[in-house]
Amino acid sequence: MKLKDDVALITGAGSGIGRAIAHSLARRGCHLALVDIKAEGLAETAEEARRSGVTVSTHILDVSDKEAIKALPEKVLGVHGDIGLLVNNAGIAAGGTFRQLSEEAFDRVMEVNFHAVVRLTRAFLPHLLERPPARIVNISSLFGLISPPEQTAYSASKFAVRGFSNALRFELEHTGVGVTVVHPGGVNTNIVRTAIAPDGISAEEIRKRRKAEQKLLRMPPSQAGEIIVKGIEKGRGRILVGTDAKVIALIERLMPVHYWKLLKVLADKTKNSK
């Protein structure tokens, strides 16, 4: 896919992987429609992207807002006139066991991580179909390949993104609209720091858990963003980001039921080494 002079919409563009994808696309001459719930981070991403000489529009909204999503295509096309790439990146996490998570927290994760992907795809697909080649890129996770304990909501949402993306790819196979699903490994973003906290856990325990989990997030977002954009250029249907994602994907295939026993040992060694 040639990205120069094309237009990409990116959700969750205010920080982390979303920001990195935006900057990587801008360096290739791709114009941007950037979406995030936080105005400050969105403005920072846009300011840097504009230095590459591309047109950038910003759209502050909560991707779980159904009406805002319905209204978004008109706003984006009003500025850019076209769109060739949709990157569904916005996401949140929630820690704790299933019994510790409130129904509201579980539903919130599903709304942002999965239902927003479906709604944005539904909103923009008619426009993408009008101008092939085009592509939809959905950011799943390493936890869309494996399902660790205390990740019931997050893993469920990311497996849903994976299944939706794979089925949609086959449906659109002969339309000129490609579908890519991305599984990042441990990328150093804010997702652990901003995760919804479980009920009944002390602030100190939450702090310890987040510190331990943060140690596993090593890859700079800029590196992850470049890997993803290179995969988009090559038209890949699946992108594994990081050696950890590639190795764990292999382990899951070899040990589909018992992989967690091995991964837990490896994770504990990593946590205790620092």
C-alpha atoms as a PDB file:
ATOM      1  CA  MET A   1       0.000   0.000   0.000  1.00  0.00           C
ATOM      2  CA  LYS A   2       1.416   3.359  -1.018  1.00  0.00           C
ATOM      3  CA  LEU A   3       0.911   5.797   1.851  1.00  0.00           C
ATOM      4  CA  LYS A   4       2.189   9.062   0.400  1.00  0.00           C
ATOM      5  CA  ASP A   5      -0.679  11.536  -0.130  1.00  0.00           C
ATOM      6  CA  ASP A   6      -3.188   9.042   1.285  1.00  0.00           C
ATOM      7  CA  VAL A   7      -5.352   9.772   4.356  1.00  0.00           C
ATOM      8  CA  ALA A   8      -5.334   7.703   7.553  1.00  0.00           C
ATOM      9  CA  LEU A   9      -7.642   7.876  10.548  1.00  0.00           C
ATOM     10  CA  ILE A  10      -6.058   6.719  13.820  1.00  0.00           C
ATOM     11  CA  THR A  11      -7.880   6.294  17.126  1.00  0.00           C
ATOM     12  CA  GLY A  12      -6.002   6.514  20.407  1.00  0.00           C
ATOM     13  CA  ALA A  13      -3.569   8.839  18.653  1.00  0.00           C
ATOM     14  CA  GLY A  14      -2.778  10.946  21.720  1.00  0.00           C
ATOM     15  CA  SER A  15      -0.030   8.681  23.058  1.00  0.00           C
ATOM     16  CA  GLY A  16       1.717   5.329  22.831  1.00  0.00           C
ATOM     17  CA  ILE A  17       1.368   3.165  19.748  1.00  0.00           C
ATOM     18  CA  GLY A  18      -1.261   5.431  18.200  1.00  0.00           C
ATOM     19  CA  ARG A  19       1.043   8.427  18.343  1.00  0.00           C
ATOM     20  CA  ALA A  20       3.944   6.368  16.983  1.00  0.00           C
ATOM     21  CA  ILE A  21       1.864   5.121  14.034  1.00  0.00           C
ATOM     22  CA  ALA A  22       0.787   8.711  13.299  1.00  0.00           C
ATOM     23  CA  HIS A  23       4.363   9.975  13.219  1.00  0.00           C
ATOM     24  CA  SER A  24       5.550   7.034  11.123  1.00  0.00           C
ATOM     25  CA  LEU A  25       2.780   7.653   8.594  1.00  0.00           C
ATOM     26  CA  ALA A  26       3.446  11.402   8.542  1.00  0.00           C
ATOM     27  CA  ARG A  27       7.095  10.801   7.696  1.00  0.00           C
ATOM     28  CA  ARG A  28       5.852   8.894   4.638  1.00  0.00           C
ATOM     29  CA  GLY A  29       3.684  11.813   3.544  1.00  0.00           C
ATOM     30  CA  CYS A  30       0.358  10.389   4.699  1.00  0.00           C
ATOM     31  CA  HIS A  31      -2.273  12.913   5.831  1.00  0.00           C
ATOM     32  CA  LEU A  32      -3.905  12.245   9.186  1.00  0.00           C
ATOM     33  CA  ALA A  33      -7.235  12.391  10.987  1.00  0.00           C
ATOM     34  CA  LEU A  34      -6.322  11.873  14.635  1.00  0.00           C
ATOM     35  CA  VAL A  35      -8.818  10.757  17.286  1.00  0.00           C
ATOM     36  CA  ASP A  36      -8.388  10.647  21.067  1.00  0.00           C
ATOM     37  CA  ILE A  37     -10.366  11.358  24.214  1.00  0.00           C
ATOM     38  CA  LYS A  38      -7.600  13.579  25.644  1.00  0.00           C
ATOM     39  CA  ALA A  39      -7.113  16.955  23.981  1.00  0.00           C
ATOM     40  CA  GLU A  40      -3.601  17.662  25.269  1.00  0.00           C
ATOM     41  CA  GLY A  41      -2.010  14.454  24.025  1.00  0.00           C
ATOM     42  CA  LEU A  42      -3.842  14.734  20.724  1.00  0.00           C
ATOM     43  CA  ALA A  43      -2.527  18.264  20.187  1.00  0.00           C
ATOM     44  CA  GLU A  44       1.037  17.116  20.861  1.00  0.00           C
ATOM     45  CA  THR A  45       0.777  14.292  18.342  1.00  0.00           C
ATOM     46  CA  ALA A  46      -0.698  16.625  15.731  1.00  0.00           C
ATOM     47  CA  GLU A  47       1.955  19.309  16.241  1.00  0.00           C
ATOM     48  CA  GLU A  48       4.784  16.851  15.638  1.00  0.00           C
ATOM     49  CA  ALA A  49       3.048  15.264  12.619  1.00  0.00           C
ATOM     50  CA  ARG A  50       2.509  18.639  10.920  1.00  0.00           C
ATOM     51  CA  ARG A  51       6.271  19.167  10.861  1.00  0.00           C
ATOM     52  CA  SER A  52       6.361  16.550   8.097  1.00  0.00           C
ATOM     53  CA  GLY A  53       4.249  18.841   5.927  1.00  0.00           C
ATOM     54  CA  VAL A  54       1.052  16.760   5.965  1.00  0.00           C
ATOM     55  CA  THR A  55      -2.520  17.868   6.622  1.00  0.00           C
ATOM     56  CA  VAL A  56      -3.675  16.903  10.113  1.00  0.00           C
ATOM     57  CA  SER A  57      -7.150  17.143  11.638  1.00  0.00           C
ATOM     58  CA  THR A  58      -7.907  16.373  15.290  1.00  0.00           C
ATOM     59  CA  HIS A  59     -11.129  14.944  16.675  1.00  0.00           C
ATOM     60  CA  ILE A  60     -11.665  14.779  20.427  1.00  0.00           C
ATOM     61  CA  LEU A  61     -14.147  12.049  21.294  1.00  0.00           C
ATOM     62  CA  ASP A  62     -14.769   8.930  23.316  1.00  0.00           C
ATOM     63  CA  VAL A  63     -14.777   5.991  20.912  1.00  0.00           C
ATOM     64  CA  SER A  64     -17.509   4.329  22.969  1.00  0.00           C
ATOM     65  CA  ASP A  65     -19.869   7.204  22.066  1.00  0.00           C
ATOM     66  CA  LYS A  66     -22.120   5.743  19.355  1.00  0.00           C
ATOM     67  CA  GLU A  67     -23.458   9.042  18.095  1.00  0.00           C
ATOM     68  CA  ALA A  68     -20.002  10.618  17.910  1.00  0.00           C
ATOM     69  CA  ILE A  69     -18.801   7.697  15.776  1.00  0.00           C
ATOM     70  CA  LYS A  70     -21.762   8.040  13.424  1.00  0.00           C
ATOM     71  CA  ALA A  71     -20.953  11.726  12.939  1.00  0.00           C
ATOM     72  CA  LEU A  72     -17.206  11.238  12.480  1.00  0.00           C
ATOM     73  CA  PRO A  73     -17.038  10.287   8.758  1.00  0.00           C
ATOM     74  CA  GLU A  74     -18.687  13.528   7.687  1.00  0.00           C
ATOM     75  CA  LYS A  75     -16.234  15.543   9.793  1.00  0.00           C
ATOM     76  CA  VAL A  76     -13.192  13.678   8.520  1.00  0.00           C
ATOM     77  CA  LEU A  77     -14.233  13.772   4.867  1.00  0.00           C
ATOM     78  CA  GLY A  78     -15.125  17.427   5.264  1.00  0.00           C
ATOM     79  CA  VAL A  79     -11.465  18.155   5.947  1.00  0.00           C
ATOM     80  CA  HIS A  80      -9.668  15.524   3.893  1.00  0.00           C
ATOM     81  CA  GLY A  81     -12.180  14.592   1.205  1.00  0.00           C
ATOM     82  CA  ASP A  82     -11.081  10.962   1.249  1.00  0.00           C
ATOM     83  CA  ILE A  83      -9.782   8.173   3.463  1.00  0.00           C
ATOM     84  CA  GLY A  84      -7.742   5.100   2.566  1.00  0.00           C
ATOM     85  CA  LEU A  85      -6.611   3.754   5.925  1.00  0.00           C
ATOM     86  CA  LEU A  86      -8.508   3.165   9.175  1.00  0.00           C
ATOM     87  CA  VAL A  87      -6.400   2.295  12.231  1.00  0.00           C
ATOM     88  CA  ASN A  88      -8.463   1.149  15.211  1.00  0.00           C
ATOM     89  CA  ASN A  89      -5.923   1.534  17.996  1.00  0.00           C
ATOM     90  CA  ALA A  90      -7.744   3.026  21.018  1.00  0.00           C
ATOM     91  CA  GLY A  91      -7.772   0.693  23.990  1.00  0.00           C
ATOM     92  CA  ILE A  92      -7.970   0.413  27.777  1.00  0.00           C
ATOM     93  CA  ALA A  93      -7.173  -2.336  30.271  1.00  0.00           C
ATOM     94  CA  ALA A  94      -8.632  -3.586  33.537  1.00  0.00           C
ATOM     95  CA  GLY A  95      -6.727  -5.615  36.110  1.00  0.00           C
ATOM     96  CA  GLY A  96      -7.902  -8.170  38.643  1.00  0.00           C
ATOM     97  CA  THR A  97      -9.716 -11.467  38.551  1.00  0.00           C
ATOM     98  CA  PHE A  98     -13.138 -11.841  36.973  1.00  0.00           C
ATOM     99  CA  ARG A  99     -14.725 -11.841  40.433  1.00  0.00           C
ATOM    100  CA  GLN A 100     -12.934  -8.619  41.361  1.00  0.00           C
ATOM    101  CA  LEU A 101     -13.987  -6.757  38.221  1.00  0.00           C
ATOM    102  CA  SER A 102     -17.277  -4.926  38.311  1.00  0.00           C
ATOM    103  CA  GLU A 103     -19.766  -5.455  35.520  1.00  0.00           C
ATOM    104  CA  GLU A 104     -19.350  -1.789  34.593  1.00  0.00           C
ATOM    105  CA  ALA A 105     -15.558  -2.142  34.276  1.00  0.00           C
ATOM    106  CA  PHE A 106     -15.849  -5.285  32.145  1.00  0.00           C
ATOM    107  CA  ASP A 107     -18.405  -3.643  29.850  1.00  0.00           C
ATOM    108  CA  ARG A 108     -16.294  -0.491  29.550  1.00  0.00           C
ATOM    109  CA  VAL A 109     -13.311  -2.504  28.296  1.00  0.00           C
ATOM    110  CA  MET A 110     -15.471  -4.288  25.735  1.00  0.00           C
ATOM    111  CA  GLU A 111     -17.013  -1.003  24.560  1.00  0.00           C
ATOM    112  CA  VAL A 112     -13.685   0.733  23.958  1.00  0.00           C
ATOM    113  CA  ASN A 113     -11.584  -2.210  22.787  1.00  0.00           C
ATOM    114  CA  PHE A 114     -14.082  -4.131  20.667  1.00  0.00           C
ATOM    115  CA  HIS A 115     -17.442  -2.464  20.032  1.00  0.00           C
ATOM    116  CA  ALA A 116     -15.719   0.777  18.989  1.00  0.00           C
ATOM    117  CA  VAL A 117     -13.702  -1.181  16.419  1.00  0.00           C
ATOM    118  CA  VAL A 118     -16.908  -2.611  14.959  1.00  0.00           C
ATOM    119  CA  ARG A 119     -18.694   0.742  14.932  1.00  0.00           C
ATOM    120  CA  LEU A 120     -15.800   2.618  13.346  1.00  0.00           C
ATOM    121  CA  THR A 121     -15.465  -0.080  10.715  1.00  0.00           C
ATOM    122  CA  ARG A 122     -19.180   0.117   9.994  1.00  0.00           C
ATOM    123  CA  ALA A 123     -18.980   3.915   9.754  1.00  0.00           C
ATOM    124  CA  PHE A 124     -15.993   4.092   7.400  1.00  0.00           C
ATOM    125  CA  LEU A 125     -16.213   0.892   5.348  1.00  0.00           C
ATOM    126  CA  PRO A 126     -18.589   2.366   2.732  1.00  0.00           C
ATOM    127  CA  HIS A 127     -16.026   5.109   2.048  1.00  0.00           C
ATOM    128  CA  LEU A 128     -13.109   2.678   1.937  1.00  0.00           C
ATOM    129  CA  LEU A 129     -14.983   0.494  -0.557  1.00  0.00           C
ATOM    130  CA  GLU A 130     -15.383   3.472  -2.886  1.00  0.00           C
ATOM    131  CA  ARG A 131     -11.645   3.853  -3.392  1.00  0.00           C
ATOM    132  CA  PRO A 132      -9.614   0.656  -3.333  1.00  0.00           C
ATOM    133  CA  PRO A 133      -6.910  -0.083  -2.504  1.00  0.00           C
ATOM    134  CA  ALA A 134      -7.690   0.697   1.115  1.00  0.00           C
ATOM    135  CA  ARG A 135      -7.031  -1.004   4.448  1.00  0.00           C
ATOM    136  CA  ILE A 136      -8.466  -1.483   7.926  1.00  0.00           C
ATOM    137  CA  VAL A 137      -5.881  -2.065  10.676  1.00  0.00           C
ATOM    138  CA  ASN A 138      -7.152  -3.340  14.021  1.00  0.00           C
ATOM    139  CA  ILE A 139      -4.815  -3.399  17.000  1.00  0.00           C
ATOM    140  CA  SER A 140      -5.363  -6.534  19.043  1.00  0.00           C
ATOM    141  CA  SER A 141      -2.699  -7.613  21.545  1.00  0.00           C
ATOM    142  CA  LEU A 142      -0.415 -10.381  22.679  1.00  0.00           C
ATOM    143  CA  PHE A 143      -3.403 -11.108  24.927  1.00  0.00           C
ATOM    144  CA  GLY A 144      -5.416 -11.719  21.783  1.00  0.00           C
ATOM    145  CA  LEU A 145      -3.185 -14.769  21.298  1.00  0.00           C
ATOM    146  CA  ILE A 146      -2.968 -15.989  24.891  1.00  0.00           C
ATOM    147  CA  SER A 147      -5.286 -15.524  27.886  1.00  0.00           C
ATOM    148  CA  PRO A 148      -3.448 -14.867  31.158  1.00  0.00           C
ATOM    149  CA  PRO A 149      -5.240 -14.940  34.504  1.00  0.00           C
ATOM    150  CA  GLU A 150      -6.525 -11.559  35.728  1.00  0.00           C
ATOM    151  CA  GLN A 151      -7.047 -10.418  32.128  1.00  0.00           C
ATOM    152  CA  THR A 152     -10.554 -11.725  31.461  1.00  0.00           C
ATOM    153  CA  ALA A 153     -11.986  -8.455  30.148  1.00  0.00           C
ATOM    154  CA  TYR A 154      -8.937  -7.307  28.216  1.00  0.00           C
ATOM    155  CA  SER A 155      -8.207 -10.699  26.709  1.00  0.00           C
ATOM    156  CA  ALA A 156     -11.850 -11.238  25.776  1.00  0.00           C
ATOM    157  CA  SER A 157     -11.913  -7.891  23.971  1.00  0.00           C
ATOM    158  CA  LYS A 158      -8.669  -8.526  22.101  1.00  0.00           C
ATOM    159  CA  PHE A 159      -9.655 -12.054  21.048  1.00  0.00           C
ATOM    160  CA  ALA A 160     -12.880 -10.500  19.759  1.00  0.00           C
ATOM    161  CA  VAL A 161     -10.876  -7.988  17.707  1.00  0.00           C
ATOM    162  CA  ARG A 162      -8.812 -10.836  16.294  1.00  0.00           C
ATOM    163  CA  GLY A 163     -11.846 -12.927  15.334  1.00  0.00           C
ATOM    164  CA  PHE A 164     -13.697  -9.967  13.854  1.00  0.00           C
ATOM    165  CA  SER A 165     -10.661  -8.921  11.824  1.00  0.00           C
ATOM    166  CA  ASN A 166      -9.995 -12.393  10.442  1.00  0.00           C
ATOM    167  CA  ALA A 167     -13.606 -12.969   9.393  1.00  0.00           C
ATOM    168  CA  LEU A 168     -13.857  -9.490   7.852  1.00  0.00           C
ATOM    169  CA  ARG A 169     -10.659 -10.073   5.881  1.00  0.00           C
ATOM    170  CA  PHE A 170     -12.184 -13.100   4.170  1.00  0.00           C
ATOM    171  CA  GLU A 171     -15.444 -11.240   3.469  1.00  0.00           C
ATOM    172  CA  LEU A 172     -13.592  -8.350   1.826  1.00  0.00           C
ATOM    173  CA  GLU A 173     -11.046 -10.513   0.003  1.00  0.00           C
ATOM    174  CA  HIS A 174     -12.076  -9.440  -3.504  1.00  0.00           C
ATOM    175  CA  THR A 175     -13.072  -5.836  -2.784  1.00  0.00           C
ATOM    176  CA  GLY A 176      -9.676  -4.128  -2.665  1.00  0.00           C
ATOM    177  CA  VAL A 177     -10.062  -3.368   1.047  1.00  0.00           C
ATOM    178  CA  GLY A 178      -7.529  -5.313   3.086  1.00  0.00           C
ATOM    179  CA  VAL A 179      -7.726  -6.100   6.792  1.00  0.00           C
ATOM    180  CA  THR A 180      -4.741  -6.319   9.116  1.00  0.00           C
ATOM    181  CA  VAL A 181      -4.789  -7.484  12.727  1.00  0.00           C
ATOM    182  CA  VAL A 182      -1.847  -6.441  14.906  1.00  0.00           C
ATOM    183  CA  HIS A 183      -0.601  -8.245  18.025  1.00  0.00           C
ATOM    184  CA  PRO A 184       1.881  -6.069  19.928  1.00  0.00           C
ATOM    185  CA  GLY A 185       3.953  -7.674  22.658  1.00  0.00           C
ATOM    186  CA  GLY A 186       5.389  -5.683  25.553  1.00  0.00           C
ATOM    187  CA  VAL A 187       5.352  -2.094  24.306  1.00  0.00           C
ATOM    188  CA  ASN A 188       6.147   0.643  26.827  1.00  0.00           C
ATOM    189  CA  THR A 189       2.856   2.566  26.771  1.00  0.00           C
ATOM    190  CA  ASN A 190       0.601   3.948  29.510  1.00  0.00           C
ATOM    191  CA  ILE A 191      -1.939   1.133  29.311  1.00  0.00           C
ATOM    192  CA  VAL A 192      -0.837  -0.495  32.581  1.00  0.00           C
ATOM    193  CA  ARG A 193      -0.618   2.830  34.437  1.00  0.00           C
ATOM    194  CA  THR A 194      -4.122   3.845  33.362  1.00  0.00           C
ATOM    195  CA  ALA A 195      -5.797   0.442  33.734  1.00  0.00           C
ATOM    196  CA  ILE A 196      -9.103   0.243  35.589  1.00  0.00           C
ATOM    197  CA  ALA A 197      -8.335  -0.996  39.105  1.00  0.00           C
ATOM    198  CA  PRO A 198     -10.157  -4.053  40.487  1.00  0.00           C
ATOM    199  CA  ASP A 199     -12.537  -3.773  43.413  1.00  0.00           C
ATOM    200  CA  GLY A 200     -11.391  -4.708  46.904  1.00  0.00           C
ATOM    201  CA  ILE A 201      -7.659  -4.179  46.297  1.00  0.00           C
ATOM    202  CA  SER A 202      -5.601  -1.673  48.287  1.00  0.00           C
ATOM    203  CA  ALA A 203      -3.838   1.210  46.586  1.00  0.00           C
ATOM    204  CA  GLU A 204      -0.470  -0.235  47.630  1.00  0.00           C
ATOM    205  CA  GLU A 205      -1.258  -3.624  46.109  1.00  0.00           C
ATOM    206  CA  ILE A 206      -2.362  -1.957  42.867  1.00  0.00           C
ATOM    207  CA  ARG A 207       0.890   0.012  42.795  1.00  0.00           C
ATOM    208  CA  LYS A 208       2.972  -3.172  43.247  1.00  0.00           C
ATOM    209  CA  ARG A 209       1.070  -5.022  40.538  1.00  0.00           C
ATOM    210  CA  ARG A 210       1.441  -2.201  38.046  1.00  0.00           C
ATOM    211  CA  LYS A 211       5.142  -1.861  38.765  1.00  0.00           C
ATOM    212  CA  ALA A 212       5.680  -5.576  38.132  1.00  0.00           C
ATOM    213  CA  GLU A 213       3.613  -5.520  34.930  1.00  0.00           C
ATOM    214  CA  GLN A 214       5.362  -2.400  33.654  1.00  0.00           C
ATOM    215  CA  LYS A 215       8.713  -4.239  33.728  1.00  0.00           C
ATOM    216  CA  LEU A 216       7.456  -6.485  30.937  1.00  0.00           C
ATOM    217  CA  LEU A 217       6.798  -3.527  28.628  1.00  0.00           C
ATOM    218  CA  ARG A 218      10.167  -2.932  26.992  1.00  0.00           C
ATOM    219  CA  MET A 219       9.799  -1.960  23.337  1.00  0.00           C
ATOM    220  CA  PRO A 220       9.667   1.803  22.635  1.00  0.00           C
ATOM    221  CA  PRO A 221       6.364   2.835  21.007  1.00  0.00           C
ATOM    222  CA  SER A 222       8.303   4.436  18.149  1.00  0.00           C
ATOM    223  CA  GLN A 223       9.783   1.057  17.232  1.00  0.00           C
ATOM    224  CA  ALA A 224       6.388  -0.637  17.423  1.00  0.00           C
ATOM    225  CA  GLY A 225       4.810   2.053  15.260  1.00  0.00           C
ATOM    226  CA  GLU A 226       7.446   1.634  12.566  1.00  0.00           C
ATOM    227  CA  ILE A 227       7.012  -2.160  12.535  1.00  0.00           C
ATOM    228  CA  ILE A 228       3.251  -1.742  12.137  1.00  0.00           C
ATOM    229  CA  VAL A 229       3.486   0.811   9.332  1.00  0.00           C
ATOM    230  CA  LYS A 230       6.017  -1.305   7.425  1.00  0.00           C
ATOM    231  CA  GLY A 231       3.569  -4.212   7.723  1.00  0.00           C
ATOM    232  CA  ILE A 232       0.781  -2.015   6.375  1.00  0.00           C
ATOM    233  CA  GLU A 233       2.928  -1.035   3.391  1.00  0.00           C
ATOM    234  CA  LYS A 234       3.513  -4.715   2.640  1.00  0.00           C
ATOM    235  CA  GLY A 235      -0.195  -5.538   2.929  1.00  0.00           C
ATOM    236  CA  ARG A 236       0.254  -8.081   5.706  1.00  0.00           C
ATOM    237  CA  GLY A 237      -2.863  -9.654   7.176  1.00  0.00           C
ATOM    238  CA  ARG A 238      -1.235 -10.227  10.567  1.00  0.00           C
ATOM    239  CA  ILE A 239       1.586  -8.360  12.274  1.00  0.00           C
ATOM    240  CA  LEU A 240       3.354  -9.673  15.378  1.00  0.00           C
ATOM    241  CA  VAL A 241       5.202  -6.827  17.111  1.00  0.00           C
ATOM    242  CA  GLY A 242       8.250  -7.895  19.092  1.00  0.00           C
ATOM    243  CA  THR A 243      10.196 -11.076  19.699  1.00  0.00           C
ATOM    244  CA  ASP A 244       8.043 -11.811  22.758  1.00  0.00           C
ATOM    245  CA  ALA A 245       4.888 -11.842  20.628  1.00  0.00           C
ATOM    246  CA  LYS A 246       6.482 -14.145  18.053  1.00  0.00           C
ATOM    247  CA  VAL A 247       7.833 -16.586  20.646  1.00  0.00           C
ATOM    248  CA  ILE A 248       4.649 -16.660  22.704  1.00  0.00           C
ATOM    249  CA  ALA A 249       2.526 -17.188  19.591  1.00  0.00           C
ATOM    250  CA  LEU A 250       4.652 -20.253  18.824  1.00  0.00           C
ATOM    251  CA  ILE A 251       4.431 -21.559  22.397  1.00  0.00           C
ATOM    252  CA  GLU A 252       0.640 -21.194  22.343  1.00  0.00           C
ATOM    253  CA  ARG A 253       0.428 -23.259  19.159  1.00  0.00           C
ATOM    254  CA  LEU A 254       2.621 -25.978  20.647  1.00  0.00           C
ATOM    255  CA  MET A 255       0.961 -25.977  24.087  1.00  0.00           C
ATOM    256  CA  PRO A 256      -2.597 -24.670  23.515  1.00  0.00           C
ATOM    257  CA  VAL A 257      -3.890 -25.775  26.928  1.00  0.00           C
ATOM    258  CA  HIS A 258      -0.826 -25.689  29.187  1.00  0.00           C
ATOM    259  CA  TYR A 259       1.196 -22.754  27.807  1.00  0.00           C
ATOM    260  CA  TRP A 260       0.572 -20.614  30.882  1.00  0.00           C
ATOM    261  CA  LYS A 261       2.616 -22.922  33.137  1.00  0.00           C
ATOM    262  CA  LEU A 262       5.719 -22.227  31.071  1.00  0.00           C
ATOM    263  CA  LEU A 263       4.982 -18.544  30.500  1.00  0.00           C
ATOM    264  CA  LYS A 264       4.401 -17.942  34.206  1.00  0.00           C
ATOM    265  CA  VAL A 265       7.859 -19.294  35.025  1.00  0.00           C
ATOM    266  CA  LEU A 266       9.431 -17.054  32.369  1.00  0.00           C
ATOM    267  CA  ALA A 267       7.436 -14.014  33.540  1.00  0.00           C
ATOM    268  CA  ASP A 268       8.395 -14.528  37.174  1.00  0.00           C
ATOM    269  CA  LYS A 269      12.077 -14.753  36.224  1.00  0.00           C
ATOM    270  CA  THR A 270      11.784 -11.477  34.299  1.00  0.00           C
ATOM    271  CA  LYS A 271      10.043  -9.686  37.171  1.00  0.00           C
ATOM    272  CA  ASN A 272      12.581 -10.890  39.731  1.00  0.00           C
ATOM    273  CA  SER A 273      15.585  -9.950  37.610  1.00  0.00           C
ATOM    274  CA  LYS A 274      15.007  -6.223  38.016  1.00  0.00           C
END
